[in-house]
Amino acid sequence: MDPVVANSAMSYSALLAITVPLALGLAATASAFGLGKAVSAAMEAIARQPEAGARIQTAMIIGCALIEALTIYVLVLAFILQGKIGH
Protein backbone atom coordinates (compact mmCIF):
# COMPACT_ATOMS: atom_id res chain seq x y z
CA MET A 1 0.00 0.00 0.00
CA ASP A 2 1.19 3.49 -0.80
CA PRO A 3 2.51 5.29 2.35
CA VAL A 4 0.46 8.39 1.56
CA VAL A 5 -2.76 6.34 1.35
CA ALA A 6 -1.93 4.44 4.55
CA ASN A 7 -1.17 7.67 6.40
CA SER A 8 -4.41 9.22 5.14
CA ALA A 9 -6.43 6.21 6.28
CA MET A 10 -4.76 6.25 9.69
CA SER A 11 -5.42 9.95 10.20
CA TYR A 12 -9.07 9.43 9.16
CA SER A 13 -9.46 6.68 11.75
CA ALA A 14 -7.71 8.77 14.40
CA LEU A 15 -9.93 11.74 13.64
CA LEU A 16 -13.06 9.58 13.94
CA ALA A 17 -11.78 8.04 17.17
CA ILE A 18 -11.46 11.53 18.67
CA THR A 19 -14.52 13.27 17.27
CA VAL A 20 -17.17 10.55 17.74
CA PRO A 21 -16.97 10.51 21.58
CA LEU A 22 -16.66 14.29 21.69
CA ALA A 23 -19.78 14.72 19.56
CA LEU A 24 -21.71 12.31 21.76
CA GLY A 25 -20.59 14.12 24.90
CA LEU A 26 -21.46 17.52 23.46
CA ALA A 27 -24.90 16.32 22.35
CA ALA A 28 -25.59 14.78 25.77
CA THR A 29 -24.50 17.97 27.55
CA ALA A 30 -26.59 20.20 25.30
CA SER A 31 -29.56 17.87 25.71
CA ALA A 32 -29.21 17.92 29.50
CA PHE A 33 -29.15 21.72 29.60
CA GLY A 34 -32.14 21.90 27.24
CA LEU A 35 -34.13 19.39 29.25
CA GLY A 36 -33.33 21.17 32.49
CA LYS A 37 -34.44 24.52 31.11
CA ALA A 38 -37.62 23.06 29.61
CA VAL A 39 -38.66 21.27 32.79
CA SER A 40 -37.79 24.29 34.93
CA ALA A 41 -39.88 26.60 32.75
CA ALA A 42 -42.79 24.14 32.78
CA MET A 43 -42.71 23.84 36.57
CA GLU A 44 -42.72 27.63 36.93
CA ALA A 45 -45.63 27.89 34.50
CA ILE A 46 -47.62 25.25 36.40
CA ALA A 47 -46.88 27.04 39.68
CA ARG A 48 -48.24 30.29 38.23
CA GLN A 49 -51.27 28.72 36.56
CA PRO A 50 -52.15 25.37 38.15
CA GLU A 51 -55.37 24.96 36.16
CA ALA A 52 -53.32 24.73 32.92
CA GLY A 53 -51.02 22.11 34.41
CA ALA A 54 -52.18 19.23 32.22
CA ARG A 55 -51.69 21.17 28.97
CA ILE A 56 -48.31 22.49 30.10
CA GLN A 57 -47.18 19.03 31.13
CA THR A 58 -48.22 17.55 27.78
CA ALA A 59 -46.33 20.24 25.88
CA MET A 60 -43.31 19.75 28.14
CA ILE A 61 -43.24 15.98 27.54
CA ILE A 62 -43.44 16.44 23.76
CA GLY A 63 -40.69 19.06 23.90
CA CYS A 64 -38.49 16.84 26.07
CA ALA A 65 -38.90 13.96 23.61
CA LEU A 66 -37.78 16.18 20.75
CA ILE A 67 -34.80 17.46 22.75
CA GLU A 68 -33.80 13.92 23.69
CA ALA A 69 -33.96 12.89 20.03
CA LEU A 70 -30.75 14.87 19.44
CA THR A 71 -28.79 12.61 21.77
CA ILE A 72 -30.34 9.49 20.28
CA TYR A 73 -29.43 10.59 16.73
CA VAL A 74 -25.83 11.23 17.76
CA LEU A 75 -25.68 7.88 19.57
CA VAL A 76 -26.87 6.07 16.43
CA LEU A 77 -24.34 8.01 14.36
CA ALA A 78 -21.61 7.07 16.83
CA PHE A 79 -22.46 3.36 16.45
CA ILE A 80 -22.43 3.68 12.66
CA LEU A 81 -19.08 5.49 12.61
CA GLN A 82 -17.57 3.17 15.23
CA GLY A 83 -17.48 0.43 12.61
CA LYS A 84 -15.48 2.70 10.30
CA ILE A 85 -12.71 3.35 12.83
CA GLY A 86 -11.14 -0.09 12.64
CA HIS A 87 -10.99 -0.19 8.85
C-alpha atoms as a PDB file:
ATOM      1  CA  MET A   1       0.000   0.000   0.000  1.00  0.00           C
ATOM      2  CA  ASP A   2       1.187   3.488  -0.799  1.00  0.00           C
ATOM      3  CA  PRO A   3       2.505   5.287   2.346  1.00  0.00           C
ATOM      4  CA  VAL A   4       0.458   8.387   1.561  1.00  0.00           C
ATOM      5  CA  VAL A   5      -2.763   6.342   1.348  1.00  0.00           C
ATOM      6  CA  ALA A   6      -1.929   4.437   4.547  1.00  0.00           C
ATOM      7  CA  ASN A   7      -1.174   7.670   6.398  1.00  0.00           C
ATOM      8  CA  SER A   8      -4.412   9.219   5.136  1.00  0.00           C
ATOM      9  CA  ALA A   9      -6.425   6.207   6.285  1.00  0.00           C
ATOM     10  CA  MET A  10      -4.755   6.251   9.694  1.00  0.00           C
ATOM     11  CA  SER A  11      -5.424   9.950  10.203  1.00  0.00           C
ATOM     12  CA  TYR A  12      -9.066   9.427   9.157  1.00  0.00           C
ATOM     13  CA  SER A  13      -9.458   6.683  11.753  1.00  0.00           C
ATOM     14  CA  ALA A  14      -7.709   8.771  14.398  1.00  0.00           C
ATOM     15  CA  LEU A  15      -9.933  11.742  13.637  1.00  0.00           C
ATOM     16  CA  LEU A  16     -13.062   9.577  13.935  1.00  0.00           C
ATOM     17  CA  ALA A  17     -11.785   8.039  17.174  1.00  0.00           C
ATOM     18  CA  ILE A  18     -11.457  11.530  18.667  1.00  0.00           C
ATOM     19  CA  THR A  19     -14.522  13.275  17.267  1.00  0.00           C
ATOM     20  CA  VAL A  20     -17.172  10.552  17.741  1.00  0.00           C
ATOM     21  CA  PRO A  21     -16.972  10.507  21.575  1.00  0.00           C
ATOM     22  CA  LEU A  22     -16.661  14.294  21.690  1.00  0.00           C
ATOM     23  CA  ALA A  23     -19.777  14.723  19.556  1.00  0.00           C
ATOM     24  CA  LEU A  24     -21.715  12.310  21.759  1.00  0.00           C
ATOM     25  CA  GLY A  25     -20.590  14.120  24.905  1.00  0.00           C
ATOM     26  CA  LEU A  26     -21.455  17.516  23.456  1.00  0.00           C
ATOM     27  CA  ALA A  27     -24.903  16.321  22.349  1.00  0.00           C
ATOM     28  CA  ALA A  28     -25.591  14.782  25.767  1.00  0.00           C
ATOM     29  CA  THR A  29     -24.504  17.967  27.550  1.00  0.00           C
ATOM     30  CA  ALA A  30     -26.592  20.197  25.298  1.00  0.00           C
ATOM     31  CA  SER A  31     -29.560  17.871  25.710  1.00  0.00           C
ATOM     32  CA  ALA A  32     -29.207  17.919  29.496  1.00  0.00           C
ATOM     33  CA  PHE A  33     -29.153  21.717  29.599  1.00  0.00           C
ATOM     34  CA  GLY A  34     -32.137  21.900  27.236  1.00  0.00           C
ATOM     35  CA  LEU A  35     -34.135  19.390  29.249  1.00  0.00           C
ATOM     36  CA  GLY A  36     -33.327  21.170  32.491  1.00  0.00           C
ATOM     37  CA  LYS A  37     -34.438  24.518  31.114  1.00  0.00           C
ATOM     38  CA  ALA A  38     -37.620  23.060  29.607  1.00  0.00           C
ATOM     39  CA  VAL A  39     -38.662  21.269  32.795  1.00  0.00           C
ATOM     40  CA  SER A  40     -37.788  24.289  34.930  1.00  0.00           C
ATOM     41  CA  ALA A  41     -39.884  26.597  32.749  1.00  0.00           C
ATOM     42  CA  ALA A  42     -42.790  24.138  32.776  1.00  0.00           C
ATOM     43  CA  MET A  43     -42.715  23.844  36.570  1.00  0.00           C
ATOM     44  CA  GLU A  44     -42.716  27.632  36.928  1.00  0.00           C
ATOM     45  CA  ALA A  45     -45.633  27.893  34.498  1.00  0.00           C
ATOM     46  CA  ILE A  46     -47.617  25.252  36.403  1.00  0.00           C
ATOM     47  CA  ALA A  47     -46.876  27.041  39.678  1.00  0.00           C
ATOM     48  CA  ARG A  48     -48.238  30.290  38.232  1.00  0.00           C
ATOM     49  CA  GLN A  49     -51.266  28.724  36.560  1.00  0.00           C
ATOM     50  CA  PRO A  50     -52.149  25.370  38.149  1.00  0.00           C
ATOM     51  CA  GLU A  51     -55.370  24.963  36.156  1.00  0.00           C
ATOM     52  CA  ALA A  52     -53.322  24.734  32.919  1.00  0.00           C
ATOM     53  CA  GLY A  53     -51.017  22.111  34.406  1.00  0.00           C
ATOM     54  CA  ALA A  54     -52.179  19.227  32.215  1.00  0.00           C
ATOM     55  CA  ARG A  55     -51.686  21.166  28.966  1.00  0.00           C
ATOM     56  CA  ILE A  56     -48.309  22.493  30.097  1.00  0.00           C
ATOM     57  CA  GLN A  57     -47.184  19.027  31.134  1.00  0.00           C
ATOM     58  CA  THR A  58     -48.225  17.545  27.782  1.00  0.00           C
ATOM     59  CA  ALA A  59     -46.331  20.239  25.878  1.00  0.00           C
ATOM     60  CA  MET A  60     -43.314  19.747  28.142  1.00  0.00           C
ATOM     61  CA  ILE A  61     -43.235  15.984  27.538  1.00  0.00           C
ATOM     62  CA  ILE A  62     -43.437  16.439  23.757  1.00  0.00           C
ATOM     63  CA  GLY A  63     -40.690  19.057  23.901  1.00  0.00           C
ATOM     64  CA  CYS A  64     -38.495  16.842  26.073  1.00  0.00           C
ATOM     65  CA  ALA A  65     -38.903  13.961  23.615  1.00  0.00           C
ATOM     66  CA  LEU A  66     -37.782  16.182  20.754  1.00  0.00           C
ATOM     67  CA  ILE A  67     -34.802  17.461  22.749  1.00  0.00           C
ATOM     68  CA  GLU A  68     -33.798  13.919  23.688  1.00  0.00           C
ATOM     69  CA  ALA A  69     -33.963  12.894  20.027  1.00  0.00           C
ATOM     70  CA  LEU A  70     -30.750  14.873  19.437  1.00  0.00           C
ATOM     71  CA  THR A  71     -28.789  12.613  21.767  1.00  0.00           C
ATOM     72  CA  ILE A  72     -30.339   9.489  20.279  1.00  0.00           C
ATOM     73  CA  TYR A  73     -29.429  10.590  16.734  1.00  0.00           C
ATOM     74  CA  VAL A  74     -25.830  11.228  17.761  1.00  0.00           C
ATOM     75  CA  LEU A  75     -25.677   7.878  19.568  1.00  0.00           C
ATOM     76  CA  VAL A  76     -26.869   6.068  16.427  1.00  0.00           C
ATOM     77  CA  LEU A  77     -24.344   8.012  14.365  1.00  0.00           C
ATOM     78  CA  ALA A  78     -21.606   7.065  16.833  1.00  0.00           C
ATOM     79  CA  PHE A  79     -22.461   3.363  16.449  1.00  0.00           C
ATOM     80  CA  ILE A  80     -22.431   3.683  12.664  1.00  0.00           C
ATOM     81  CA  LEU A  81     -19.076   5.486  12.613  1.00  0.00           C
ATOM     82  CA  GLN A  82     -17.575   3.171  15.235  1.00  0.00           C
ATOM     83  CA  GLY A  83     -17.481   0.426  12.609  1.00  0.00           C
ATOM     84  CA  LYS A  84     -15.478   2.699  10.298  1.00  0.00           C
ATOM     85  CA  ILE A  85     -12.707   3.346  12.830  1.00  0.00           C
ATOM     86  CA  GLY A  86     -11.140  -0.091  12.637  1.00  0.00           C
ATOM     87  CA  HIS A  87     -10.994  -0.185   8.847  1.00  0.00           C
END
